[in-house]
């Protein structure tokens, strides 16, 4: 898993989590 811990990393992390969730649902 790629985690980007930056000033806005938290927000991006949430978006990445949503993308991974979609990929899991698509799989």
C-alpha atoms as a PDB file:
ATOM      1  CA  UNK A   1       0.000   0.000   0.000  1.00  0.00           C
ATOM      2  CA  UNK A   2       1.275   3.451  -0.886  1.00  0.00           C
ATOM      3  CA  UNK A   3       0.743   5.900   1.955  1.00  0.00           C
ATOM      4  CA  UNK A   4       1.580   9.563   1.407  1.00  0.00           C
ATOM      5  CA  UNK A   5       2.020  11.307   4.760  1.00  0.00           C
ATOM      6  CA  UNK A   6       2.104  15.013   3.905  1.00  0.00           C
ATOM      7  CA  UNK A   7       0.390  18.195   5.027  1.00  0.00           C
ATOM      8  CA  UNK A   8      -2.518  17.192   2.779  1.00  0.00           C
ATOM      9  CA  UNK A   9      -1.539  13.520   2.830  1.00  0.00           C
ATOM     10  CA  UNK A  10      -4.408  12.730   5.164  1.00  0.00           C
ATOM     11  CA  UNK A  11      -6.990  13.861   2.613  1.00  0.00           C
ATOM     12  CA  UNK A  12      -5.175  12.037  -0.200  1.00  0.00           C
ATOM     13  CA  UNK A  13      -4.943   8.911   1.940  1.00  0.00           C
ATOM     14  CA  UNK A  14      -8.725   8.925   2.327  1.00  0.00           C
ATOM     15  CA  UNK A  15      -9.146   9.282  -1.445  1.00  0.00           C
ATOM     16  CA  UNK A  16      -6.686   6.431  -2.017  1.00  0.00           C
ATOM     17  CA  UNK A  17      -8.669   4.291   0.433  1.00  0.00           C
ATOM     18  CA  UNK A  18     -11.830   4.963  -1.565  1.00  0.00           C
ATOM     19  CA  UNK A  19     -10.028   4.043  -4.806  1.00  0.00           C
ATOM     20  CA  UNK A  20      -8.767   0.795  -3.273  1.00  0.00           C
ATOM     21  CA  UNK A  21     -12.285   0.040  -2.044  1.00  0.00           C
ATOM     22  CA  UNK A  22     -13.607   0.491  -5.588  1.00  0.00           C
ATOM     23  CA  UNK A  23     -10.874  -1.766  -6.978  1.00  0.00           C
ATOM     24  CA  UNK A  24     -11.735  -4.406  -4.373  1.00  0.00           C
ATOM     25  CA  UNK A  25     -15.420  -4.184  -5.346  1.00  0.00           C
ATOM     26  CA  UNK A  26     -14.492  -4.394  -9.042  1.00  0.00           C
ATOM     27  CA  UNK A  27     -12.286  -7.446  -8.442  1.00  0.00           C
END
